[in-house]
Amino acid sequence: MTTHNKDIELLYFLHNELELSHKDIAIALKHREFDPAPLPMLLWQYGLVNLEQLEKILDWLYI
């Protein structure tokens, strides 16, 4: 699986499993243009996910 496909799957997971809005995801993606931090960390840093959700994302990424 390529990185691009994994990114698409992550966005799908964020929206459908964690029920993040498209707007919240877009905010984090916009900040990623200026801050090269991983997307899950940006979501947490900007208060778009809580610690439990961050843990779910990291679990999903590393399975």
C-alpha atoms as a PDB file:
ATOM      1  CA  MET A   1       0.000   0.000   0.000  1.00  0.00           C
ATOM      2  CA  THR A   2       1.378   3.395  -0.902  1.00  0.00           C
ATOM      3  CA  THR A   3       1.529   6.331   1.438  1.00  0.00           C
ATOM      4  CA  HIS A   4      -1.130   8.108  -0.605  1.00  0.00           C
ATOM      5  CA  ASN A   5      -3.601   5.264  -0.122  1.00  0.00           C
ATOM      6  CA  LYS A   6      -2.817   5.145   3.600  1.00  0.00           C
ATOM      7  CA  ASP A   7      -3.513   8.890   3.837  1.00  0.00           C
ATOM      8  CA  ILE A   8      -6.872   8.419   2.137  1.00  0.00           C
ATOM      9  CA  GLU A   9      -7.714   5.557   4.469  1.00  0.00           C
ATOM     10  CA  LEU A  10      -6.742   7.704   7.471  1.00  0.00           C
ATOM     11  CA  LEU A  11      -9.026  10.518   6.315  1.00  0.00           C
ATOM     12  CA  TYR A  12     -11.830   8.003   5.843  1.00  0.00           C
ATOM     13  CA  PHE A  13     -11.206   6.632   9.361  1.00  0.00           C
ATOM     14  CA  LEU A  14     -11.200  10.119  10.888  1.00  0.00           C
ATOM     15  CA  HIS A  15     -14.461  11.070   9.230  1.00  0.00           C
ATOM     16  CA  ASN A  16     -16.397   7.822   9.432  1.00  0.00           C
ATOM     17  CA  GLU A  17     -15.096   6.132  12.582  1.00  0.00           C
ATOM     18  CA  LEU A  18     -14.268   9.123  14.780  1.00  0.00           C
ATOM     19  CA  GLU A  19     -16.957  11.295  13.175  1.00  0.00           C
ATOM     20  CA  LEU A  20     -14.703  14.294  12.694  1.00  0.00           C
ATOM     21  CA  SER A  21     -16.200  16.892  10.420  1.00  0.00           C
ATOM     22  CA  HIS A  22     -14.707  17.697   7.044  1.00  0.00           C
ATOM     23  CA  LYS A  23     -14.075  21.191   8.418  1.00  0.00           C
ATOM     24  CA  ASP A  24     -12.019  19.886  11.364  1.00  0.00           C
ATOM     25  CA  ILE A  25      -9.977  17.647   9.098  1.00  0.00           C
ATOM     26  CA  ALA A  26      -9.425  20.533   6.673  1.00  0.00           C
ATOM     27  CA  ILE A  27      -8.156  22.747   9.510  1.00  0.00           C
ATOM     28  CA  ALA A  28      -5.538  20.161  10.477  1.00  0.00           C
ATOM     29  CA  LEU A  29      -4.530  19.630   6.844  1.00  0.00           C
ATOM     30  CA  LYS A  30      -4.124  23.394   6.382  1.00  0.00           C
ATOM     31  CA  HIS A  31      -1.870  23.601   9.447  1.00  0.00           C
ATOM     32  CA  ARG A  32       0.177  20.681   8.114  1.00  0.00           C
ATOM     33  CA  GLU A  33       1.277  22.954   5.247  1.00  0.00           C
ATOM     34  CA  PHE A  34       3.138  25.095   7.805  1.00  0.00           C
ATOM     35  CA  ASP A  35       3.941  22.501  10.478  1.00  0.00           C
ATOM     36  CA  PRO A  36       5.301  19.162   9.282  1.00  0.00           C
ATOM     37  CA  ALA A  37       3.991  17.328  12.365  1.00  0.00           C
ATOM     38  CA  PRO A  38       2.013  14.122  11.806  1.00  0.00           C
ATOM     39  CA  LEU A  39      -1.678  14.707  11.193  1.00  0.00           C
ATOM     40  CA  PRO A  40      -2.826  12.926  14.395  1.00  0.00           C
ATOM     41  CA  MET A  41      -0.613  15.197  16.483  1.00  0.00           C
ATOM     42  CA  LEU A  42      -1.948  18.306  14.752  1.00  0.00           C
ATOM     43  CA  LEU A  43      -5.512  17.173  15.372  1.00  0.00           C
ATOM     44  CA  TRP A  44      -4.716  16.790  19.063  1.00  0.00           C
ATOM     45  CA  GLN A  45      -2.617  19.959  19.297  1.00  0.00           C
ATOM     46  CA  TYR A  46      -5.455  22.086  17.924  1.00  0.00           C
ATOM     47  CA  GLY A  47      -8.072  20.441  20.126  1.00  0.00           C
ATOM     48  CA  LEU A  48      -9.833  18.668  17.274  1.00  0.00           C
ATOM     49  CA  VAL A  49      -9.514  15.259  18.955  1.00  0.00           C
ATOM     50  CA  ASN A  50      -9.237  14.311  22.596  1.00  0.00           C
ATOM     51  CA  LEU A  51      -6.642  12.002  24.095  1.00  0.00           C
ATOM     52  CA  GLU A  52      -8.870   8.929  23.737  1.00  0.00           C
ATOM     53  CA  GLN A  53      -9.460   9.675  20.055  1.00  0.00           C
ATOM     54  CA  LEU A  54      -5.743  10.269  19.530  1.00  0.00           C
ATOM     55  CA  GLU A  55      -5.053   6.846  21.022  1.00  0.00           C
ATOM     56  CA  LYS A  56      -7.585   5.260  18.644  1.00  0.00           C
ATOM     57  CA  ILE A  57      -5.910   6.971  15.684  1.00  0.00           C
ATOM     58  CA  LEU A  58      -2.457   5.804  16.738  1.00  0.00           C
ATOM     59  CA  ASP A  59      -3.739   2.271  17.316  1.00  0.00           C
ATOM     60  CA  TRP A  60      -5.282   2.302  13.824  1.00  0.00           C
ATOM     61  CA  LEU A  61      -2.062   3.583  12.272  1.00  0.00           C
ATOM     62  CA  TYR A  62       0.137   0.968  13.851  1.00  0.00           C
ATOM     63  CA  ILE A  63      -2.003  -2.124  13.306  1.00  0.00           C
END
